[in-house]
Amino acid sequence: MNKLCIFVGTTVGGYVGWAIGEVLGLGFGWSFVLSSIGSIAGVYAGWKLARKLES
């Protein structure tokens, strides 16, 4: 369950970060940076969700 939640969090976080960059018209480089930040946030959120579901 832990790996699944982290995978989903990474995917969703990365997509949201990329979409924010595209909406703001920041170009490829900054969209990539925001996608990376979103992926990191998604890993954390997925990990916290998995911990909550396990207990």
N, C-alpha and C. Protein backbone atom coordinates (compact mmCIF):
# COMPACT_ATOMS: atom_id res chain seq x y z
N MET A 1 0.82 -1.18 0.00
CA MET A 1 0.00 0.00 0.00
C MET A 1 0.87 1.26 0.00
N ASN A 2 1.98 1.18 0.68
CA ASN A 2 2.88 2.33 0.78
C ASN A 2 3.40 2.74 -0.60
N LYS A 3 3.87 1.78 -1.37
CA LYS A 3 4.43 2.08 -2.69
C LYS A 3 3.36 2.61 -3.64
N LEU A 4 2.16 2.07 -3.56
CA LEU A 4 1.08 2.52 -4.42
C LEU A 4 0.71 3.97 -4.13
N CYS A 5 0.58 4.31 -2.86
CA CYS A 5 0.24 5.69 -2.49
C CYS A 5 1.33 6.67 -2.92
N ILE A 6 2.57 6.28 -2.76
CA ILE A 6 3.67 7.15 -3.17
C ILE A 6 3.68 7.30 -4.69
N PHE A 7 3.44 6.22 -5.43
CA PHE A 7 3.41 6.29 -6.88
C PHE A 7 2.30 7.22 -7.37
N VAL A 8 1.12 7.07 -6.80
CA VAL A 8 0.00 7.93 -7.20
C VAL A 8 0.28 9.38 -6.81
N GLY A 9 0.82 9.60 -5.62
CA GLY A 9 1.14 10.96 -5.19
C GLY A 9 2.19 11.61 -6.09
N THR A 10 3.18 10.85 -6.50
CA THR A 10 4.21 11.37 -7.39
C THR A 10 3.63 11.74 -8.75
N THR A 11 2.79 10.87 -9.27
CA THR A 11 2.19 11.11 -10.58
C THR A 11 1.29 12.34 -10.55
N VAL A 12 0.42 12.42 -9.56
CA VAL A 12 -0.50 13.55 -9.48
C VAL A 12 0.25 14.84 -9.18
N GLY A 13 1.19 14.79 -8.26
CA GLY A 13 1.97 15.99 -7.93
C GLY A 13 2.77 16.51 -9.10
N GLY A 14 3.38 15.60 -9.85
CA GLY A 14 4.14 16.00 -11.03
C GLY A 14 3.26 16.63 -12.09
N TYR A 15 2.09 16.04 -12.30
CA TYR A 15 1.17 16.60 -13.29
C TYR A 15 0.67 17.98 -12.87
N VAL A 16 0.33 18.13 -11.61
CA VAL A 16 -0.16 19.43 -11.13
C VAL A 16 0.93 20.49 -11.26
N GLY A 17 2.15 20.15 -10.91
CA GLY A 17 3.26 21.10 -11.05
C GLY A 17 3.47 21.51 -12.49
N TRP A 18 3.42 20.54 -13.40
CA TRP A 18 3.59 20.84 -14.83
C TRP A 18 2.44 21.72 -15.33
N ALA A 19 1.21 21.40 -14.91
CA ALA A 19 0.05 22.17 -15.36
C ALA A 19 0.13 23.61 -14.87
N ILE A 20 0.60 23.82 -13.65
CA ILE A 20 0.75 25.19 -13.14
C ILE A 20 1.75 25.95 -13.99
N GLY A 21 2.84 25.32 -14.33
CA GLY A 21 3.84 25.96 -15.18
C GLY A 21 3.29 26.31 -16.55
N GLU A 22 2.48 25.43 -17.11
CA GLU A 22 1.88 25.69 -18.42
C GLU A 22 0.86 26.82 -18.35
N VAL A 23 0.04 26.82 -17.31
CA VAL A 23 -0.97 27.87 -17.17
C VAL A 23 -0.31 29.23 -17.01
N LEU A 24 0.77 29.28 -16.29
CA LEU A 24 1.48 30.55 -16.09
C LEU A 24 2.35 30.93 -17.28
N GLY A 25 2.49 30.02 -18.25
CA GLY A 25 3.27 30.30 -19.44
C GLY A 25 4.76 30.42 -19.18
N LEU A 26 5.28 29.58 -18.30
CA LEU A 26 6.68 29.69 -17.89
C LEU A 26 7.65 28.95 -18.81
N GLY A 27 7.15 28.16 -19.73
CA GLY A 27 8.04 27.44 -20.64
C GLY A 27 8.44 26.09 -20.08
N PHE A 28 9.22 25.37 -20.89
CA PHE A 28 9.58 23.99 -20.56
C PHE A 28 10.42 23.89 -19.29
N GLY A 29 11.43 24.73 -19.17
CA GLY A 29 12.37 24.63 -18.05
C GLY A 29 11.70 24.81 -16.70
N TRP A 30 10.93 25.86 -16.57
CA TRP A 30 10.27 26.11 -15.29
C TRP A 30 9.14 25.13 -15.02
N SER A 31 8.47 24.69 -16.09
CA SER A 31 7.44 23.66 -15.90
C SER A 31 8.07 22.37 -15.37
N PHE A 32 9.27 22.05 -15.86
CA PHE A 32 9.99 20.87 -15.37
C PHE A 32 10.35 21.03 -13.90
N VAL A 33 10.81 22.20 -13.52
CA VAL A 33 11.17 22.46 -12.12
C VAL A 33 9.94 22.33 -11.23
N LEU A 34 8.83 22.95 -11.65
CA LEU A 34 7.60 22.86 -10.85
C LEU A 34 7.07 21.43 -10.80
N SER A 35 7.24 20.69 -11.87
CA SER A 35 6.84 19.29 -11.88
C SER A 35 7.68 18.49 -10.88
N SER A 36 8.95 18.78 -10.81
CA SER A 36 9.83 18.09 -9.85
C SER A 36 9.42 18.41 -8.41
N ILE A 37 9.13 19.67 -8.16
CA ILE A 37 8.70 20.06 -6.82
C ILE A 37 7.37 19.40 -6.48
N GLY A 38 6.46 19.35 -7.46
CA GLY A 38 5.19 18.68 -7.25
C GLY A 38 5.35 17.19 -6.99
N SER A 39 6.30 16.57 -7.66
CA SER A 39 6.56 15.15 -7.44
C SER A 39 7.08 14.89 -6.04
N ILE A 40 7.96 15.75 -5.57
CA ILE A 40 8.49 15.61 -4.21
C ILE A 40 7.36 15.78 -3.19
N ALA A 41 6.52 16.78 -3.41
CA ALA A 41 5.37 16.97 -2.52
C ALA A 41 4.44 15.77 -2.59
N GLY A 42 4.29 15.17 -3.76
CA GLY A 42 3.44 14.00 -3.91
C GLY A 42 3.98 12.78 -3.19
N VAL A 43 5.29 12.63 -3.17
CA VAL A 43 5.90 11.53 -2.41
C VAL A 43 5.56 11.68 -0.94
N TYR A 44 5.70 12.88 -0.42
CA TYR A 44 5.42 13.13 0.99
C TYR A 44 3.93 12.90 1.30
N ALA A 45 3.06 13.44 0.43
CA ALA A 45 1.62 13.29 0.66
C ALA A 45 1.21 11.81 0.56
N GLY A 46 1.76 11.09 -0.41
CA GLY A 46 1.45 9.67 -0.54
C GLY A 46 1.93 8.86 0.64
N TRP A 47 3.10 9.20 1.13
CA TRP A 47 3.64 8.50 2.30
C TRP A 47 2.77 8.75 3.53
N LYS A 48 2.36 10.01 3.73
CA LYS A 48 1.51 10.32 4.87
C LYS A 48 0.16 9.63 4.76
N LEU A 49 -0.40 9.58 3.55
CA LEU A 49 -1.67 8.90 3.35
C LEU A 49 -1.55 7.40 3.65
N ALA A 50 -0.48 6.79 3.18
CA ALA A 50 -0.28 5.35 3.44
C ALA A 50 -0.15 5.08 4.92
N ARG A 51 0.56 5.94 5.62
CA ARG A 51 0.70 5.76 7.08
C ARG A 51 -0.65 5.87 7.77
N LYS A 52 -1.47 6.81 7.31
CA LYS A 52 -2.80 7.00 7.91
C LYS A 52 -3.70 5.80 7.63
N LEU A 53 -3.60 5.25 6.42
CA LEU A 53 -4.44 4.12 6.07
C LEU A 53 -4.03 2.83 6.79
N GLU A 54 -2.75 2.71 7.12
CA GLU A 54 -2.26 1.52 7.80
C GLU A 54 -2.66 1.48 9.26
N SER A 55 -2.85 2.62 9.87
CA SER A 55 -3.16 2.63 11.31
C SER A 55 -4.64 2.68 11.60
